[in-house]
Amino acid sequence: EELVAGYKFYLGKSTKLPSIISSISSHVTFFGEPI
């Protein structure tokens, strides 16, 4: 239960496109290095 390491990323999906297209247009963004 003790945190050893980790990293954060962001998942983005278009909210303006129809759902089928927004799932295709998903993208992941990483900043920095793991902790």
Full PDB file with SEQRES, HELIX, SHEET, SSBOND, CRYST1, ORIGX, SCALE, CONECT and MASTER records, all heavy atoms in Angstrom:
SEQRES   1 A   35  GLU GLU LEU VAL ALA GLY TYR LYS PHE TYR LEU GLY LYS          
SEQRES   2 A   35  SER THR LYS LEU PRO SER ILE ILE SER SER ILE SER SER          
SEQRES   3 A   35  HIS VAL THR PHE PHE GLY GLU PRO ILE                          
HELIX    1 AA1 SER A   19  ILE A   24  1                                   6    
SHEET    1 AA1 2 PHE A   9  GLY A  12  0                                        
SHEET    2 AA1 2 HIS A  27  PHE A  30 -1                                        
CRYST1    1.000    1.000    1.000  90.00  90.00  90.00 P 1           1          
ORIGX1      1.000000  0.000000  0.000000        0.00000                         
ORIGX2      0.000000  1.000000  0.000000        0.00000                         
ORIGX3      0.000000  0.000000  1.000000        0.00000                         
SCALE1      1.000000  0.000000  0.000000        0.00000                         
SCALE2      0.000000  1.000000  0.000000        0.00000                         
SCALE3      0.000000  0.000000  1.000000        0.00000                         
ATOM      1  N   GLU A   1       0.803  -1.237   0.000  1.00  0.00           N  
ATOM      2  CA  GLU A   1       0.000   0.000   0.000  1.00  0.00           C  
ATOM      3  C   GLU A   1       0.830   1.279   0.000  1.00  0.00           C  
ATOM      4  O   GLU A   1       0.301   2.374   0.158  1.00  0.00           O  
ATOM      5  CB  GLU A   1      -0.991   0.020   1.173  1.00  0.00           C  
ATOM      6  CG  GLU A   1      -2.050  -1.058   1.087  1.00  0.00           C  
ATOM      7  CD  GLU A   1      -2.900  -0.959  -0.169  1.00  0.00           C  
ATOM      8  OE1 GLU A   1      -3.344   0.137  -0.516  1.00  0.00           O  
ATOM      9  OE2 GLU A   1      -3.122  -2.002  -0.811  1.00  0.00           O  
ATOM     10  N   GLU A   2       2.147   1.175  -0.145  1.00  0.00           N  
ATOM     11  CA  GLU A   2       3.007   2.357  -0.190  1.00  0.00           C  
ATOM     12  C   GLU A   2       3.394   2.637  -1.640  1.00  0.00           C  
ATOM     13  O   GLU A   2       3.812   1.728  -2.360  1.00  0.00           O  
ATOM     14  CB  GLU A   2       4.258   2.129   0.660  1.00  0.00           C  
ATOM     15  CG  GLU A   2       5.129   3.346   0.763  1.00  0.00           C  
ATOM     16  CD  GLU A   2       6.289   3.150   1.742  1.00  0.00           C  
ATOM     17  OE1 GLU A   2       6.527   2.003   2.178  1.00  0.00           O  
ATOM     18  OE2 GLU A   2       6.946   4.144   2.051  1.00  0.00           O  
ATOM     19  N   LEU A   3       3.263   3.889  -2.058  1.00  0.00           N  
ATOM     20  CA  LEU A   3       3.589   4.274  -3.429  1.00  0.00           C  
ATOM     21  C   LEU A   3       5.090   4.178  -3.651  1.00  0.00           C  
ATOM     22  O   LEU A   3       5.885   4.770  -2.921  1.00  0.00           O  
ATOM     23  CB  LEU A   3       3.097   5.698  -3.708  1.00  0.00           C  
ATOM     24  CG  LEU A   3       3.276   6.213  -5.127  1.00  0.00           C  
ATOM     25  CD1 LEU A   3       2.464   5.372  -6.122  1.00  0.00           C  
ATOM     26  CD2 LEU A   3       2.843   7.674  -5.217  1.00  0.00           C  
ATOM     27  N   VAL A   4       5.467   3.407  -4.650  1.00  0.00           N  
ATOM     28  CA  VAL A   4       6.872   3.217  -5.005  1.00  0.00           C  
ATOM     29  C   VAL A   4       7.237   4.140  -6.163  1.00  0.00           C  
ATOM     30  O   VAL A   4       8.266   4.809  -6.150  1.00  0.00           O  
ATOM     31  CB  VAL A   4       7.140   1.743  -5.390  1.00  0.00           C  
ATOM     32  CG1 VAL A   4       8.549   1.552  -5.906  1.00  0.00           C  
ATOM     33  CG2 VAL A   4       6.854   0.832  -4.209  1.00  0.00           C  
ATOM     34  N   ALA A   5       6.368   4.180  -7.167  1.00  0.00           N  
ATOM     35  CA  ALA A   5       6.608   5.010  -8.350  1.00  0.00           C  
ATOM     36  C   ALA A   5       5.287   5.205  -9.082  1.00  0.00           C  
ATOM     37  O   ALA A   5       4.308   4.491  -8.839  1.00  0.00           O  
ATOM     38  CB  ALA A   5       7.628   4.351  -9.280  1.00  0.00           C  
ATOM     39  N   GLY A   6       5.289   6.163  -9.975  1.00  0.00           N  
ATOM     40  CA  GLY A   6       4.088   6.381 -10.760  1.00  0.00           C  
ATOM     41  C   GLY A   6       4.286   7.471 -11.792  1.00  0.00           C  
ATOM     42  O   GLY A   6       5.309   8.158 -11.804  1.00  0.00           O  
ATOM     43  N   TYR A   7       3.327   7.596 -12.656  1.00  0.00           N  
ATOM     44  CA  TYR A   7       3.321   8.698 -13.610  1.00  0.00           C  
ATOM     45  C   TYR A   7       1.887   9.039 -13.956  1.00  0.00           C  
ATOM     46  O   TYR A   7       0.970   8.254 -13.761  1.00  0.00           O  
ATOM     47  CB  TYR A   7       4.144   8.403 -14.862  1.00  0.00           C  
ATOM     48  CG  TYR A   7       3.704   7.220 -15.674  1.00  0.00           C  
ATOM     49  CD1 TYR A   7       2.768   7.360 -16.698  1.00  0.00           C  
ATOM     50  CD2 TYR A   7       4.229   5.962 -15.448  1.00  0.00           C  
ATOM     51  CE1 TYR A   7       2.361   6.276 -17.447  1.00  0.00           C  
ATOM     52  CE2 TYR A   7       3.837   4.869 -16.192  1.00  0.00           C  
ATOM     53  CZ  TYR A   7       2.905   5.033 -17.196  1.00  0.00           C  
ATOM     54  OH  TYR A   7       2.500   3.958 -17.936  1.00  0.00           O  
ATOM     55  N   LYS A   8       1.737  10.256 -14.420  1.00  0.00           N  
ATOM     56  CA  LYS A   8       0.418  10.758 -14.788  1.00  0.00           C  
ATOM     57  C   LYS A   8       0.423  11.065 -16.278  1.00  0.00           C  
ATOM     58  O   LYS A   8       1.409  11.543 -16.830  1.00  0.00           O  
ATOM     59  CB  LYS A   8       0.127  12.034 -14.001  1.00  0.00           C  
ATOM     60  CG  LYS A   8      -1.169  12.716 -14.388  1.00  0.00           C  
ATOM     61  CD  LYS A   8      -1.399  13.970 -13.564  1.00  0.00           C  
ATOM     62  CE  LYS A   8      -0.422  15.041 -13.945  1.00  0.00           C  
ATOM     63  NZ  LYS A   8      -0.705  16.344 -13.343  1.00  0.00           N  
ATOM     64  N   PHE A   9      -0.687  10.756 -16.912  1.00  0.00           N  
ATOM     65  CA  PHE A   9      -0.879  11.171 -18.299  1.00  0.00           C  
ATOM     66  C   PHE A   9      -2.311  11.639 -18.441  1.00  0.00           C  
ATOM     67  O   PHE A   9      -3.155  11.421 -17.575  1.00  0.00           O  
ATOM     68  CB  PHE A   9      -0.552  10.050 -19.291  1.00  0.00           C  
ATOM     69  CG  PHE A   9      -1.440   8.846 -19.178  1.00  0.00           C  
ATOM     70  CD1 PHE A   9      -2.625   8.763 -19.908  1.00  0.00           C  
ATOM     71  CD2 PHE A   9      -1.090   7.785 -18.362  1.00  0.00           C  
ATOM     72  CE1 PHE A   9      -3.439   7.649 -19.805  1.00  0.00           C  
ATOM     73  CE2 PHE A   9      -1.902   6.663 -18.258  1.00  0.00           C  
ATOM     74  CZ  PHE A   9      -3.080   6.598 -18.975  1.00  0.00           C  
ATOM     75  N   TYR A  10      -2.570  12.325 -19.522  1.00  0.00           N  
ATOM     76  CA  TYR A  10      -3.916  12.832 -19.785  1.00  0.00           C  
ATOM     77  C   TYR A  10      -4.483  12.141 -21.012  1.00  0.00           C  
ATOM     78  O   TYR A  10      -3.792  11.965 -22.011  1.00  0.00           O  
ATOM     79  CB  TYR A  10      -3.890  14.342 -20.030  1.00  0.00           C  
ATOM     80  CG  TYR A  10      -3.503  15.138 -18.821  1.00  0.00           C  
ATOM     81  CD1 TYR A  10      -2.199  15.560 -18.634  1.00  0.00           C  
ATOM     82  CD2 TYR A  10      -4.445  15.470 -17.856  1.00  0.00           C  
ATOM     83  CE1 TYR A  10      -1.839  16.300 -17.522  1.00  0.00           C  
ATOM     84  CE2 TYR A  10      -4.086  16.204 -16.736  1.00  0.00           C  
ATOM     85  CZ  TYR A  10      -2.783  16.620 -16.582  1.00  0.00           C  
ATOM     86  OH  TYR A  10      -2.453  17.345 -15.478  1.00  0.00           O  
ATOM     87  N   LEU A  11      -5.753  11.765 -20.917  1.00  0.00           N  
ATOM     88  CA  LEU A  11      -6.474  11.190 -22.052  1.00  0.00           C  
ATOM     89  C   LEU A  11      -7.454  12.240 -22.541  1.00  0.00           C  
ATOM     90  O   LEU A  11      -8.254  12.759 -21.758  1.00  0.00           O  
ATOM     91  CB  LEU A  11      -7.214   9.923 -21.635  1.00  0.00           C  
ATOM     92  CG  LEU A  11      -8.080   9.270 -22.713  1.00  0.00           C  
ATOM     93  CD1 LEU A  11      -7.214   8.759 -23.868  1.00  0.00           C  
ATOM     94  CD2 LEU A  11      -8.903   8.150 -22.122  1.00  0.00           C  
ATOM     95  N   GLY A  12      -7.363  12.556 -23.815  1.00  0.00           N  
ATOM     96  CA  GLY A  12      -8.262  13.536 -24.396  1.00  0.00           C  
ATOM     97  C   GLY A  12      -9.139  12.917 -25.465  1.00  0.00           C  
ATOM     98  O   GLY A  12      -8.701  12.047 -26.219  1.00  0.00           O  
ATOM     99  N   LYS A  13     -10.388  13.335 -25.492  1.00  0.00           N  
ATOM    100  CA  LYS A  13     -11.333  12.897 -26.527  1.00  0.00           C  
ATOM    101  C   LYS A  13     -12.098  14.122 -26.993  1.00  0.00           C  
ATOM    102  O   LYS A  13     -12.442  14.986 -26.198  1.00  0.00           O  
ATOM    103  CB  LYS A  13     -12.317  11.862 -25.982  1.00  0.00           C  
ATOM    104  CG  LYS A  13     -11.693  10.547 -25.625  1.00  0.00           C  
ATOM    105  CD  LYS A  13     -12.732   9.540 -25.196  1.00  0.00           C  
ATOM    106  CE  LYS A  13     -12.059   8.219 -24.854  1.00  0.00           C  
ATOM    107  NZ  LYS A  13     -13.021   7.178 -24.570  1.00  0.00           N  
ATOM    108  N   SER A  14     -12.386  14.150 -28.258  1.00  0.00           N  
ATOM    109  CA  SER A  14     -13.154  15.257 -28.793  1.00  0.00           C  
ATOM    110  C   SER A  14     -14.586  15.182 -28.279  1.00  0.00           C  
ATOM    111  O   SER A  14     -15.216  14.133 -28.311  1.00  0.00           O  
ATOM    112  CB  SER A  14     -13.148  15.215 -30.321  1.00  0.00           C  
ATOM    113  OG  SER A  14     -14.001  16.213 -30.825  1.00  0.00           O  
ATOM    114  N   THR A  15     -15.083  16.302 -27.806  1.00  0.00           N  
ATOM    115  CA  THR A  15     -16.478  16.356 -27.362  1.00  0.00           C  
ATOM    116  C   THR A  15     -17.374  16.973 -28.439  1.00  0.00           C  
ATOM    117  O   THR A  15     -18.590  16.987 -28.292  1.00  0.00           O  
ATOM    118  CB  THR A  15     -16.608  17.182 -26.075  1.00  0.00           C  
ATOM    119  OG1 THR A  15     -16.081  18.483 -26.311  1.00  0.00           O  
ATOM    120  CG2 THR A  15     -15.858  16.514 -24.938  1.00  0.00           C  
ATOM    121  N   LYS A  16     -16.760  17.453 -29.507  1.00  0.00           N  
ATOM    122  CA  LYS A  16     -17.530  18.097 -30.569  1.00  0.00           C  
ATOM    123  C   LYS A  16     -17.880  17.146 -31.705  1.00  0.00           C  
ATOM    124  O   LYS A  16     -18.750  17.437 -32.512  1.00  0.00           O  
ATOM    125  CB  LYS A  16     -16.751  19.288 -31.119  1.00  0.00           C  
ATOM    126  CG  LYS A  16     -16.540  20.370 -30.082  1.00  0.00           C  
ATOM    127  CD  LYS A  16     -15.749  21.517 -30.637  1.00  0.00           C  
ATOM    128  CE  LYS A  16     -15.526  22.559 -29.545  1.00  0.00           C  
ATOM    129  NZ  LYS A  16     -14.738  23.663 -30.001  1.00  0.00           N  
ATOM    130  N   LEU A  17     -17.197  16.021 -31.756  1.00  0.00           N  
ATOM    131  CA  LEU A  17     -17.421  15.068 -32.832  1.00  0.00           C  
ATOM    132  C   LEU A  17     -18.380  13.967 -32.376  1.00  0.00           C  
ATOM    133  O   LEU A  17     -18.503  13.703 -31.185  1.00  0.00           O  
ATOM    134  CB  LEU A  17     -16.089  14.437 -33.250  1.00  0.00           C  
ATOM    135  CG  LEU A  17     -15.040  15.411 -33.796  1.00  0.00           C  
ATOM    136  CD1 LEU A  17     -13.717  14.688 -33.974  1.00  0.00           C  
ATOM    137  CD2 LEU A  17     -15.485  16.008 -35.110  1.00  0.00           C  
ATOM    138  N   PRO A  18     -19.035  13.300 -33.306  1.00  0.00           N  
ATOM    139  CA  PRO A  18     -19.888  12.161 -32.931  1.00  0.00           C  
ATOM    140  C   PRO A  18     -19.067  11.109 -32.183  1.00  0.00           C  
ATOM    141  O   PRO A  18     -17.858  11.005 -32.366  1.00  0.00           O  
ATOM    142  CB  PRO A  18     -20.389  11.628 -34.269  1.00  0.00           C  
ATOM    143  CG  PRO A  18     -20.223  12.750 -35.233  1.00  0.00           C  
ATOM    144  CD  PRO A  18     -19.067  13.574 -34.738  1.00  0.00           C  
ATOM    145  N   SER A  19     -19.727  10.320 -31.358  1.00  0.00           N  
ATOM    146  CA  SER A  19     -19.019   9.390 -30.472  1.00  0.00           C  
ATOM    147  C   SER A  19     -18.097   8.423 -31.207  1.00  0.00           C  
ATOM    148  O   SER A  19     -17.021   8.109 -30.727  1.00  0.00           O  
ATOM    149  CB  SER A  19     -20.014   8.609 -29.618  1.00  0.00           C  
ATOM    150  OG  SER A  19     -20.852   7.839 -30.443  1.00  0.00           O  
ATOM    151  N   ILE A  20     -18.497   7.934 -32.362  1.00  0.00           N  
ATOM    152  CA  ILE A  20     -17.640   6.998 -33.103  1.00  0.00           C  
ATOM    153  C   ILE A  20     -16.344   7.663 -33.536  1.00  0.00           C  
ATOM    154  O   ILE A  20     -15.274   7.083 -33.455  1.00  0.00           O  
ATOM    155  CB  ILE A  20     -18.382   6.370 -34.321  1.00  0.00           C  
ATOM    156  CG1 ILE A  20     -17.526   5.280 -34.976  1.00  0.00           C  
ATOM    157  CG2 ILE A  20     -18.724   7.422 -35.351  1.00  0.00           C  
ATOM    158  CD1 ILE A  20     -17.532   3.998 -34.217  1.00  0.00           C  
ATOM    159  N   ILE A  21     -16.429   8.914 -33.932  1.00  0.00           N  
ATOM    160  CA  ILE A  21     -15.231   9.634 -34.361  1.00  0.00           C  
ATOM    161  C   ILE A  21     -14.411  10.078 -33.155  1.00  0.00           C  
ATOM    162  O   ILE A  21     -13.183  10.046 -33.189  1.00  0.00           O  
ATOM    163  CB  ILE A  21     -15.607  10.836 -35.251  1.00  0.00           C  
ATOM    164  CG1 ILE A  21     -16.275  10.333 -36.532  1.00  0.00           C  
ATOM    165  CG2 ILE A  21     -14.385  11.673 -35.590  1.00  0.00           C  
ATOM    166  CD1 ILE A  21     -16.843  11.413 -37.412  1.00  0.00           C  
ATOM    167  N   SER A  22     -15.068  10.460 -32.075  1.00  0.00           N  
ATOM    168  CA  SER A  22     -14.319  10.909 -30.901  1.00  0.00           C  
ATOM    169  C   SER A  22     -13.486   9.782 -30.305  1.00  0.00           C  
ATOM    170  O   SER A  22     -12.399  10.012 -29.783  1.00  0.00           O  
ATOM    171  CB  SER A  22     -15.243  11.515 -29.853  1.00  0.00           C  
ATOM    172  OG  SER A  22     -16.073  10.544 -29.284  1.00  0.00           O  
ATOM    173  N   SER A  23     -13.981   8.536 -30.397  1.00  0.00           N  
ATOM    174  CA  SER A  23     -13.185   7.422 -29.883  1.00  0.00           C  
ATOM    175  C   SER A  23     -11.947   7.194 -30.751  1.00  0.00           C  
ATOM    176  O   SER A  23     -10.905   6.788 -30.248  1.00  0.00           O  
ATOM    177  CB  SER A  23     -14.024   6.156 -29.793  1.00  0.00           C  
ATOM    178  OG  SER A  23     -14.443   5.749 -31.068  1.00  0.00           O  
ATOM    179  N   ILE A  24     -12.059   7.478 -32.039  1.00  0.00           N  
ATOM    180  CA  ILE A  24     -10.910   7.347 -32.940  1.00  0.00           C  
ATOM    181  C   ILE A  24      -9.923   8.489 -32.719  1.00  0.00           C  
ATOM    182  O   ILE A  24      -8.724   8.324 -32.855  1.00  0.00           O  
ATOM    183  CB  ILE A  24     -11.381   7.312 -34.414  1.00  0.00           C  
ATOM    184  CG1 ILE A  24     -12.216   6.068 -34.657  1.00  0.00           C  
ATOM    185  CG2 ILE A  24     -10.209   7.364 -35.369  1.00  0.00           C  
ATOM    186  CD1 ILE A  24     -12.918   6.057 -36.000  1.00  0.00           C  
ATOM    187  N   SER A  25     -10.432   9.651 -32.374  1.00  0.00           N  
ATOM    188  CA  SER A  25      -9.571  10.827 -32.231  1.00  0.00           C  
ATOM    189  C   SER A  25      -8.974  10.962 -30.824  1.00  0.00           C  
ATOM    190  O   SER A  25      -8.365  11.979 -30.519  1.00  0.00           O  
ATOM    191  CB  SER A  25     -10.353  12.095 -32.564  1.00  0.00           C  
ATOM    192  OG  SER A  25     -11.333  12.352 -31.572  1.00  0.00           O  
ATOM    193  N   SER A  26      -9.125   9.963 -29.981  1.00  0.00           N  
ATOM    194  CA  SER A  26      -8.550  10.012 -28.636  1.00  0.00           C  
ATOM    195  C   SER A  26      -7.040  10.170 -28.716  1.00  0.00           C  
ATOM    196  O   SER A  26      -6.394   9.660 -29.625  1.00  0.00           O  
ATOM    197  CB  SER A  26      -8.860   8.733 -27.869  1.00  0.00           C  
ATOM    198  OG  SER A  26     -10.238   8.581 -27.710  1.00  0.00           O  
ATOM    199  N   HIS A  27      -6.497  10.875 -27.741  1.00  0.00           N  
ATOM    200  CA  HIS A  27      -5.046  11.043 -27.690  1.00  0.00           C  
ATOM    201  C   HIS A  27      -4.575  11.065 -26.233  1.00  0.00           C  
ATOM    202  O   HIS A  27      -5.335  11.385 -25.328  1.00  0.00           O  
ATOM    203  CB  HIS A  27      -4.616  12.317 -28.414  1.00  0.00           C  
ATOM    204  CG  HIS A  27      -5.161  13.568 -27.791  1.00  0.00           C  
ATOM    205  ND1 HIS A  27      -6.446  14.002 -28.031  1.00  0.00           N  
ATOM    206  CD2 HIS A  27      -4.627  14.444 -26.918  1.00  0.00           C  
ATOM    207  CE1 HIS A  27      -6.661  15.116 -27.342  1.00  0.00           C  
ATOM    208  NE2 HIS A  27      -5.584  15.403 -26.656  1.00  0.00           N  
ATOM    209  N   VAL A  28      -3.332  10.696 -26.054  1.00  0.00           N  
ATOM    210  CA  VAL A  28      -2.722  10.652 -24.733  1.00  0.00           C  
ATOM    211  C   VAL A  28      -1.579  11.659 -24.707  1.00  0.00           C  
ATOM    212  O   VAL A  28      -0.803  11.755 -25.657  1.00  0.00           O  
ATOM    213  CB  VAL A  28      -2.189   9.234 -24.428  1.00  0.00           C  
ATOM    214  CG1 VAL A  28      -1.393   9.207 -23.146  1.00  0.00           C  
ATOM    215  CG2 VAL A  28      -3.332   8.246 -24.364  1.00  0.00           C  
ATOM    216  N   THR A  29      -1.494  12.408 -23.598  1.00  0.00           N  
ATOM    217  CA  THR A  29      -0.445  13.407 -23.430  1.00  0.00           C  
ATOM    218  C   THR A  29       0.316  13.120 -22.139  1.00  0.00           C  
ATOM    219  O   THR A  29      -0.289  12.969 -21.084  1.00  0.00           O  
ATOM    220  CB  THR A  29      -1.049  14.828 -23.347  1.00  0.00           C  
ATOM    221  OG1 THR A  29      -1.848  15.060 -24.504  1.00  0.00           O  
ATOM    222  CG2 THR A  29       0.028  15.875 -23.269  1.00  0.00           C  
ATOM    223  N   PHE A  30       1.647  13.031 -22.248  1.00  0.00           N  
ATOM    224  CA  PHE A  30       2.518  12.842 -21.091  1.00  0.00           C  
ATOM    225  C   PHE A  30       3.296  14.119 -20.844  1.00  0.00           C  
ATOM    226  O   PHE A  30       3.745  14.772 -21.790  1.00  0.00           O  
ATOM    227  CB  PHE A  30       3.550  11.730 -21.353  1.00  0.00           C  
ATOM    228  CG  PHE A  30       2.985  10.357 -21.302  1.00  0.00           C  
ATOM    229  CD1 PHE A  30       2.453   9.767 -22.437  1.00  0.00           C  
ATOM    230  CD2 PHE A  30       3.013   9.640 -20.126  1.00  0.00           C  
ATOM    231  CE1 PHE A  30       1.949   8.488 -22.400  1.00  0.00           C  
ATOM    232  CE2 PHE A  30       2.511   8.348 -20.080  1.00  0.00           C  
ATOM    233  CZ  PHE A  30       1.980   7.771 -21.215  1.00  0.00           C  
ATOM    234  N   PHE A  31       3.479  14.478 -19.588  1.00  0.00           N  
ATOM    235  CA  PHE A  31       4.335  15.596 -19.202  1.00  0.00           C  
ATOM    236  C   PHE A  31       5.316  15.092 -18.156  1.00  0.00           C  
ATOM    237  O   PHE A  31       4.929  14.421 -17.207  1.00  0.00           O  
ATOM    238  CB  PHE A  31       3.524  16.737 -18.580  1.00  0.00           C  
ATOM    239  CG  PHE A  31       2.589  17.416 -19.527  1.00  0.00           C  
ATOM    240  CD1 PHE A  31       1.228  17.293 -19.375  1.00  0.00           C  
ATOM    241  CD2 PHE A  31       3.067  18.177 -20.581  1.00  0.00           C  
ATOM    242  CE1 PHE A  31       0.347  17.923 -20.227  1.00  0.00           C  
ATOM    243  CE2 PHE A  31       2.203  18.810 -21.453  1.00  0.00           C  
ATOM    244  CZ  PHE A  31       0.841  18.681 -21.271  1.00  0.00           C  
ATOM    245  N   GLY A  32       6.561  15.427 -18.310  1.00  0.00           N  
ATOM    246  CA  GLY A  32       7.550  15.085 -17.290  1.00  0.00           C  
ATOM    247  C   GLY A  32       7.924  13.621 -17.287  1.00  0.00           C  
ATOM    248  O   GLY A  32       7.673  12.887 -18.223  1.00  0.00           O  
ATOM    249  N   GLU A  33       8.548  13.221 -16.203  1.00  0.00           N  
ATOM    250  CA  GLU A  33       9.036  11.865 -16.021  1.00  0.00           C  
ATOM    251  C   GLU A  33       8.296  11.211 -14.865  1.00  0.00           C  
ATOM    252  O   GLU A  33       7.662  11.902 -14.072  1.00  0.00           O  
ATOM    253  CB  GLU A  33      10.534  11.900 -15.718  1.00  0.00           C  
ATOM    254  CG  GLU A  33      11.353  12.531 -16.821  1.00  0.00           C  
ATOM    255  CD  GLU A  33      12.813  12.708 -16.434  1.00  0.00           C  
ATOM    256  OE1 GLU A  33      13.157  12.451 -15.256  1.00  0.00           O  
ATOM    257  OE2 GLU A  33      13.598  13.092 -17.288  1.00  0.00           O  
ATOM    258  N   PRO A  34       8.419   9.912 -14.728  1.00  0.00           N  
ATOM    259  CA  PRO A  34       7.772   9.251 -13.589  1.00  0.00           C  
ATOM    260  C   PRO A  34       8.322   9.773 -12.263  1.00  0.00           C  
ATOM    261  O   PRO A  34       9.444  10.279 -12.197  1.00  0.00           O  
ATOM    262  CB  PRO A  34       8.137   7.774 -13.769  1.00  0.00           C  
ATOM    263  CG  PRO A  34       8.512   7.635 -15.196  1.00  0.00           C  
ATOM    264  CD  PRO A  34       9.079   8.949 -15.616  1.00  0.00           C  
ATOM    265  N   ILE A  35       7.520   9.645 -11.225  1.00  0.00           N  
ATOM    266  CA  ILE A  35       7.988   9.978  -9.884  1.00  0.00           C  
ATOM    267  C   ILE A  35       8.452   8.700  -9.199  1.00  0.00           C  
ATOM    268  O   ILE A  35       7.925   7.617  -9.476  1.00  0.00           O  
ATOM    269  CB  ILE A  35       6.900  10.697  -9.054  1.00  0.00           C  
ATOM    270  CG1 ILE A  35       5.658   9.825  -8.883  1.00  0.00           C  
ATOM    271  CG2 ILE A  35       6.552  12.038  -9.678  1.00  0.00           C  
ATOM    272  CD1 ILE A  35       4.647  10.390  -7.898  1.00  0.00           C  
TER     273      ILE A  35                                                      
MASTER        0    0    0    1    2    0    0    6  272    1    0    3          
END                                                                             
